[in-house]
Amino acid sequence: MMGVGKAIVFGFFAMFPGMILSLIAWVLVGQPETWTSWMSIPCYGPFFGCIALGVWFGMRSESEVELET
């Protein structure tokens, strides 16, 4: 159960770099005034990609880590 909580926290914190990358992508495509369907890729791709990557990093198990007593 610890992995799910960690995955949610990692996904939440990965949201902030995703917002910055989406903003940079929007500026790089020329800051269009009207929305078209191709704009979904540069605007939503980095945002949800970073969240998915954060959740994936959070769900990884740390089986090789051992506690020293």
PDB file of N, CA and C in Angstrom:
ATOM      1  N   MET A   1       0.820  -1.189   0.000  1.00  0.00           N
ATOM      2  CA  MET A   1       0.000   0.000   0.000  1.00  0.00           C
ATOM      3  C   MET A   1       0.867   1.259   0.000  1.00  0.00           C
ATOM      4  N   MET A   2       2.072   1.140   0.507  1.00  0.00           N
ATOM      5  CA  MET A   2       2.974   2.288   0.536  1.00  0.00           C
ATOM      6  C   MET A   2       3.318   2.768  -0.862  1.00  0.00           C
ATOM      7  N   GLY A   3       3.376   1.856  -1.814  1.00  0.00           N
ATOM      8  CA  GLY A   3       3.724   2.223  -3.182  1.00  0.00           C
ATOM      9  C   GLY A   3       2.687   3.126  -3.825  1.00  0.00           C
ATOM     10  N   VAL A   4       1.403   2.922  -3.497  1.00  0.00           N
ATOM     11  CA  VAL A   4       0.345   3.743  -4.081  1.00  0.00           C
ATOM     12  C   VAL A   4       0.441   5.172  -3.560  1.00  0.00           C
ATOM     13  N   GLY A   5       0.648   5.336  -2.267  1.00  0.00           N
ATOM     14  CA  GLY A   5       0.796   6.682  -1.701  1.00  0.00           C
ATOM     15  C   GLY A   5       2.005   7.408  -2.264  1.00  0.00           C
ATOM     16  N   LYS A   6       3.093   6.676  -2.388  1.00  0.00           N
ATOM     17  CA  LYS A   6       4.301   7.275  -2.960  1.00  0.00           C
ATOM     18  C   LYS A   6       4.095   7.643  -4.421  1.00  0.00           C
ATOM     19  N   ALA A   7       3.367   6.812  -5.152  1.00  0.00           N
ATOM     20  CA  ALA A   7       3.090   7.092  -6.565  1.00  0.00           C
ATOM     21  C   ALA A   7       2.223   8.339  -6.707  1.00  0.00           C
ATOM     22  N   ILE A   8       1.244   8.512  -5.827  1.00  0.00           N
ATOM     23  CA  ILE A   8       0.386   9.698  -5.882  1.00  0.00           C
ATOM     24  C   ILE A   8       1.192  10.953  -5.577  1.00  0.00           C
ATOM     25  N   VAL A   9       2.058  10.887  -4.579  1.00  0.00           N
ATOM     26  CA  VAL A   9       2.879  12.051  -4.223  1.00  0.00           C
ATOM     27  C   VAL A   9       3.854  12.380  -5.348  1.00  0.00           C
ATOM     28  N   PHE A  10       4.506  11.367  -5.923  1.00  0.00           N
ATOM     29  CA  PHE A  10       5.431  11.601  -7.030  1.00  0.00           C
ATOM     30  C   PHE A  10       4.692  12.202  -8.224  1.00  0.00           C
ATOM     31  N   GLY A  11       3.497  11.676  -8.516  1.00  0.00           N
ATOM     32  CA  GLY A  11       2.707  12.211  -9.617  1.00  0.00           C
ATOM     33  C   GLY A  11       2.302  13.649  -9.379  1.00  0.00           C
ATOM     34  N   PHE A  12       1.968  13.978  -8.117  1.00  0.00           N
ATOM     35  CA  PHE A  12       1.594  15.353  -7.787  1.00  0.00           C
ATOM     36  C   PHE A  12       2.770  16.305  -7.986  1.00  0.00           C
ATOM     37  N   PHE A  13       3.933  15.922  -7.494  1.00  0.00           N
ATOM     38  CA  PHE A  13       5.094  16.798  -7.635  1.00  0.00           C
ATOM     39  C   PHE A  13       5.619  16.848  -9.070  1.00  0.00           C
ATOM     40  N   ALA A  14       5.364  15.816  -9.860  1.00  0.00           N
ATOM     41  CA  ALA A  14       5.769  15.832 -11.266  1.00  0.00           C
ATOM     42  C   ALA A  14       4.864  16.733 -12.099  1.00  0.00           C
ATOM     43  N   MET A  15       3.741  17.150 -11.513  1.00  0.00           N
ATOM     44  CA  MET A  15       2.817  18.033 -12.216  1.00  0.00           C
ATOM     45  C   MET A  15       3.442  19.401 -12.479  1.00  0.00           C
ATOM     46  N   PHE A  16       4.263  19.886 -11.576  1.00  0.00           N
ATOM     47  CA  PHE A  16       4.837  21.226 -11.713  1.00  0.00           C
ATOM     48  C   PHE A  16       5.842  21.340 -12.861  1.00  0.00           C
ATOM     49  N   PRO A  17       6.794  20.411 -13.012  1.00  0.00           N
ATOM     50  CA  PRO A  17       7.641  20.476 -14.208  1.00  0.00           C
ATOM     51  C   PRO A  17       6.835  20.250 -15.487  1.00  0.00           C
ATOM     52  N   GLY A  18       5.765  19.451 -15.394  1.00  0.00           N
ATOM     53  CA  GLY A  18       4.906  19.244 -16.557  1.00  0.00           C
ATOM     54  C   GLY A  18       4.232  20.528 -17.001  1.00  0.00           C
ATOM     55  N   MET A  19       3.803  21.358 -16.041  1.00  0.00           N
ATOM     56  CA  MET A  19       3.197  22.645 -16.399  1.00  0.00           C
ATOM     57  C   MET A  19       4.211  23.557 -17.082  1.00  0.00           C
ATOM     58  N   ILE A  20       5.424  23.557 -16.574  1.00  0.00           N
ATOM     59  CA  ILE A  20       6.465  24.404 -17.164  1.00  0.00           C
ATOM     60  C   ILE A  20       6.816  23.926 -18.568  1.00  0.00           C
ATOM     61  N   LEU A  21       6.943  22.613 -18.747  1.00  0.00           N
ATOM     62  CA  LEU A  21       7.245  22.078 -20.077  1.00  0.00           C
ATOM     63  C   LEU A  21       6.107  22.341 -21.059  1.00  0.00           C
ATOM     64  N   SER A  22       4.869  22.269 -20.596  1.00  0.00           N
ATOM     65  CA  SER A  22       3.729  22.571 -21.473  1.00  0.00           C
ATOM     66  C   SER A  22       3.721  24.035 -21.871  1.00  0.00           C
ATOM     67  N   LEU A  23       4.059  24.898 -20.947  1.00  0.00           N
ATOM     68  CA  LEU A  23       4.127  26.329 -21.262  1.00  0.00           C
ATOM     69  C   LEU A  23       5.233  26.609 -22.277  1.00  0.00           C
ATOM     70  N   ILE A  24       6.372  25.962 -22.097  1.00  0.00           N
ATOM     71  CA  ILE A  24       7.478  26.132 -23.043  1.00  0.00           C
ATOM     72  C   ILE A  24       7.073  25.607 -24.425  1.00  0.00           C
ATOM     73  N   ALA A  25       6.381  24.462 -24.466  1.00  0.00           N
ATOM     74  CA  ALA A  25       5.934  23.916 -25.752  1.00  0.00           C
ATOM     75  C   ALA A  25       4.942  24.854 -26.418  1.00  0.00           C
ATOM     76  N   TRP A  26       4.047  25.462 -25.639  1.00  0.00           N
ATOM     77  CA  TRP A  26       3.068  26.400 -26.201  1.00  0.00           C
ATOM     78  C   TRP A  26       3.761  27.621 -26.786  1.00  0.00           C
ATOM     79  N   VAL A  27       4.806  28.108 -26.103  1.00  0.00           N
ATOM     80  CA  VAL A  27       5.557  29.255 -26.616  1.00  0.00           C
ATOM     81  C   VAL A  27       6.322  28.863 -27.878  1.00  0.00           C
ATOM     82  N   LEU A  28       6.888  27.659 -27.905  1.00  0.00           N
ATOM     83  CA  LEU A  28       7.665  27.224 -29.066  1.00  0.00           C
ATOM     84  C   LEU A  28       6.808  27.033 -30.319  1.00  0.00           C
ATOM     85  N   VAL A  29       5.533  26.686 -30.161  1.00  0.00           N
ATOM     86  CA  VAL A  29       4.687  26.517 -31.337  1.00  0.00           C
ATOM     87  C   VAL A  29       4.087  27.840 -31.792  1.00  0.00           C
ATOM     88  N   GLY A  30       4.414  28.926 -31.142  1.00  0.00           N
ATOM     89  CA  GLY A  30       4.030  30.247 -31.627  1.00  0.00           C
ATOM     90  C   GLY A  30       2.881  30.915 -30.920  1.00  0.00           C
ATOM     91  N   GLN A  31       2.454  30.427 -29.786  1.00  0.00           N
ATOM     92  CA  GLN A  31       1.375  31.011 -28.985  1.00  0.00           C
ATOM     93  C   GLN A  31       0.134  31.305 -29.827  1.00  0.00           C
ATOM     94  N   PRO A  32      -0.438  30.300 -30.468  1.00  0.00           N
ATOM     95  CA  PRO A  32      -1.596  30.550 -31.342  1.00  0.00           C
ATOM     96  C   PRO A  32      -2.806  31.063 -30.564  1.00  0.00           C
ATOM     97  N   GLU A  33      -3.565  31.938 -31.202  1.00  0.00           N
ATOM     98  CA  GLU A  33      -4.757  32.522 -30.584  1.00  0.00           C
ATOM     99  C   GLU A  33      -5.945  31.563 -30.617  1.00  0.00           C
ATOM    100  N   THR A  34      -6.056  30.764 -31.675  1.00  0.00           N
ATOM    101  CA  THR A  34      -7.176  29.834 -31.791  1.00  0.00           C
ATOM    102  C   THR A  34      -6.707  28.418 -31.514  1.00  0.00           C
ATOM    103  N   TRP A  35      -7.605  27.623 -30.926  1.00  0.00           N
ATOM    104  CA  TRP A  35      -7.282  26.247 -30.564  1.00  0.00           C
ATOM    105  C   TRP A  35      -7.630  25.322 -31.714  1.00  0.00           C
ATOM    106  N   THR A  36      -6.686  24.478 -32.086  1.00  0.00           N
ATOM    107  CA  THR A  36      -6.935  23.444 -33.085  1.00  0.00           C
ATOM    108  C   THR A  36      -6.589  22.096 -32.478  1.00  0.00           C
ATOM    109  N   SER A  37      -6.993  21.022 -33.132  1.00  0.00           N
ATOM    110  CA  SER A  37      -6.836  19.689 -32.544  1.00  0.00           C
ATOM    111  C   SER A  37      -5.373  19.277 -32.378  1.00  0.00           C
ATOM    112  N   TRP A  38      -4.472  19.768 -33.205  1.00  0.00           N
ATOM    113  CA  TRP A  38      -3.065  19.372 -33.080  1.00  0.00           C
ATOM    114  C   TRP A  38      -2.411  19.995 -31.851  1.00  0.00           C
ATOM    115  N   MET A  39      -3.056  21.014 -31.267  1.00  0.00           N
ATOM    116  CA  MET A  39      -2.491  21.667 -30.080  1.00  0.00           C
ATOM    117  C   MET A  39      -2.553  20.784 -28.835  1.00  0.00           C
ATOM    118  N   SER A  40      -3.308  19.693 -28.901  1.00  0.00           N
ATOM    119  CA  SER A  40      -3.394  18.794 -27.749  1.00  0.00           C
ATOM    120  C   SER A  40      -2.049  18.154 -27.440  1.00  0.00           C
ATOM    121  N   ILE A  41      -1.272  17.872 -28.467  1.00  0.00           N
ATOM    122  CA  ILE A  41       0.007  17.180 -28.265  1.00  0.00           C
ATOM    123  C   ILE A  41       1.015  18.063 -27.521  1.00  0.00           C
ATOM    124  N   PRO A  42       1.309  19.281 -27.970  1.00  0.00           N
ATOM    125  CA  PRO A  42       2.308  20.064 -27.236  1.00  0.00           C
ATOM    126  C   PRO A  42       1.806  20.617 -25.906  1.00  0.00           C
ATOM    127  N   CYS A  43       0.489  20.754 -25.736  1.00  0.00           N
ATOM    128  CA  CYS A  43      -0.009  21.329 -24.488  1.00  0.00           C
ATOM    129  C   CYS A  43      -0.303  20.278 -23.425  1.00  0.00           C
ATOM    130  N   TYR A  44      -0.907  19.158 -23.812  1.00  0.00           N
ATOM    131  CA  TYR A  44      -1.256  18.135 -22.833  1.00  0.00           C
ATOM    132  C   TYR A  44      -0.217  17.036 -22.720  1.00  0.00           C
ATOM    133  N   GLY A  45       0.552  16.809 -23.764  1.00  0.00           N
ATOM    134  CA  GLY A  45       1.537  15.728 -23.759  1.00  0.00           C
ATOM    135  C   GLY A  45       2.577  15.841 -22.657  1.00  0.00           C
ATOM    136  N   PRO A  46       3.297  16.965 -22.554  1.00  0.00           N
ATOM    137  CA  PRO A  46       4.300  17.068 -21.489  1.00  0.00           C
ATOM    138  C   PRO A  46       3.696  17.039 -20.087  1.00  0.00           C
ATOM    139  N   PHE A  47       2.511  17.621 -19.933  1.00  0.00           N
ATOM    140  CA  PHE A  47       1.874  17.672 -18.614  1.00  0.00           C
ATOM    141  C   PHE A  47       1.527  16.271 -18.117  1.00  0.00           C
ATOM    142  N   PHE A  48       0.736  15.541 -18.912  1.00  0.00           N
ATOM    143  CA  PHE A  48       0.339  14.206 -18.484  1.00  0.00           C
ATOM    144  C   PHE A  48       1.482  13.206 -18.588  1.00  0.00           C
ATOM    145  N   GLY A  49       2.441  13.461 -19.469  1.00  0.00           N
ATOM    146  CA  GLY A  49       3.622  12.603 -19.543  1.00  0.00           C
ATOM    147  C   GLY A  49       4.457  12.677 -18.276  1.00  0.00           C
ATOM    148  N   CYS A  50       4.636  13.877 -17.747  1.00  0.00           N
ATOM    149  CA  CYS A  50       5.390  14.031 -16.498  1.00  0.00           C
ATOM    150  C   CYS A  50       4.656  13.394 -15.326  1.00  0.00           C
ATOM    151  N   ILE A  51       3.330  13.536 -15.292  1.00  0.00           N
ATOM    152  CA  ILE A  51       2.560  12.902 -14.227  1.00  0.00           C
ATOM    153  C   ILE A  51       2.676  11.384 -14.318  1.00  0.00           C
ATOM    154  N   ALA A  52       2.556  10.838 -15.525  1.00  0.00           N
ATOM    155  CA  ALA A  52       2.675   9.390 -15.701  1.00  0.00           C
ATOM    156  C   ALA A  52       4.061   8.896 -15.322  1.00  0.00           C
ATOM    157  N   LEU A  53       5.082   9.665 -15.672  1.00  0.00           N
ATOM    158  CA  LEU A  53       6.445   9.283 -15.306  1.00  0.00           C
ATOM    159  C   LEU A  53       6.639   9.324 -13.789  1.00  0.00           C
ATOM    160  N   GLY A  54       6.062  10.329 -13.135  1.00  0.00           N
ATOM    161  CA  GLY A  54       6.140  10.413 -11.684  1.00  0.00           C
ATOM    162  C   GLY A  54       5.426   9.258 -10.998  1.00  0.00           C
ATOM    163  N   VAL A  55       4.264   8.884 -11.505  1.00  0.00           N
ATOM    164  CA  VAL A  55       3.535   7.745 -10.935  1.00  0.00           C
ATOM    165  C   VAL A  55       4.325   6.460 -11.160  1.00  0.00           C
ATOM    166  N   TRP A  56       4.929   6.324 -12.337  1.00  0.00           N
ATOM    167  CA  TRP A  56       5.720   5.124 -12.613  1.00  0.00           C
ATOM    168  C   TRP A  56       6.928   5.036 -11.677  1.00  0.00           C
ATOM    169  N   PHE A  57       7.613   6.170 -11.462  1.00  0.00           N
ATOM    170  CA  PHE A  57       8.730   6.168 -10.522  1.00  0.00           C
ATOM    171  C   PHE A  57       8.262   5.847  -9.107  1.00  0.00           C
ATOM    172  N   GLY A  58       7.086   6.324  -8.733  1.00  0.00           N
ATOM    173  CA  GLY A  58       6.559   6.041  -7.404  1.00  0.00           C
ATOM    174  C   GLY A  58       6.150   4.599  -7.207  1.00  0.00           C
ATOM    175  N   MET A  59       5.708   3.941  -8.269  1.00  0.00           N
ATOM    176  CA  MET A  59       5.256   2.553  -8.158  1.00  0.00           C
ATOM    177  C   MET A  59       6.395   1.540  -8.192  1.00  0.00           C
ATOM    178  N   ARG A  60       7.586   1.986  -8.590  1.00  0.00           N
ATOM    179  CA  ARG A  60       8.711   1.043  -8.632  1.00  0.00           C
ATOM    180  C   ARG A  60       9.004   0.532  -7.230  1.00  0.00           C
ATOM    181  N   SER A  61       9.283  -0.727  -7.136  1.00  0.00           N
ATOM    182  CA  SER A  61       9.599  -1.307  -5.836  1.00  0.00           C
ATOM    183  C   SER A  61      11.086  -1.159  -5.560  1.00  0.00           C
ATOM    184  N   GLU A  62      11.387  -1.009  -4.316  1.00  0.00           N
ATOM    185  CA  GLU A  62      12.780  -0.868  -3.906  1.00  0.00           C
ATOM    186  C   GLU A  62      13.214  -2.156  -3.211  1.00  0.00           C
ATOM    187  N   SER A  63      13.231  -3.235  -3.954  1.00  0.00           N
ATOM    188  CA  SER A  63      13.535  -4.531  -3.378  1.00  0.00           C
ATOM    189  C   SER A  63      15.008  -4.672  -3.008  1.00  0.00           C
ATOM    190  N   GLU A  64      15.881  -3.917  -3.644  1.00  0.00           N
ATOM    191  CA  GLU A  64      17.305  -4.053  -3.343  1.00  0.00           C
ATOM    192  C   GLU A  64      17.737  -3.237  -2.123  1.00  0.00           C
ATOM    193  N   VAL A  65      16.856  -2.438  -1.569  1.00  0.00           N
ATOM    194  CA  VAL A  65      17.187  -1.628  -0.403  1.00  0.00           C
ATOM    195  C   VAL A  65      17.004  -2.491   0.852  1.00  0.00           C
ATOM    196  N   GLU A  66      18.024  -2.518   1.704  1.00  0.00           N
ATOM    197  CA  GLU A  66      17.946  -3.277   2.933  1.00  0.00           C
ATOM    198  C   GLU A  66      18.168  -2.354   4.108  1.00  0.00           C
ATOM    199  N   LEU A  67      17.439  -2.583   5.175  1.00  0.00           N
ATOM    200  CA  LEU A  67      17.605  -1.810   6.388  1.00  0.00           C
ATOM    201  C   LEU A  67      18.723  -2.411   7.229  1.00  0.00           C
ATOM    202  N   GLU A  68      19.601  -1.555   7.694  1.00  0.00           N
ATOM    203  CA  GLU A  68      20.686  -2.038   8.545  1.00  0.00           C
ATOM    204  C   GLU A  68      20.239  -1.954   9.994  1.00  0.00           C
ATOM    205  N   THR A  69      20.518  -3.004  10.755  1.00  0.00           N
ATOM    206  CA  THR A  69      20.133  -3.003  12.160  1.00  0.00           C
ATOM    207  C   THR A  69      21.332  -2.942  13.063  1.00  0.00           C
TER     208      THR A  69
END
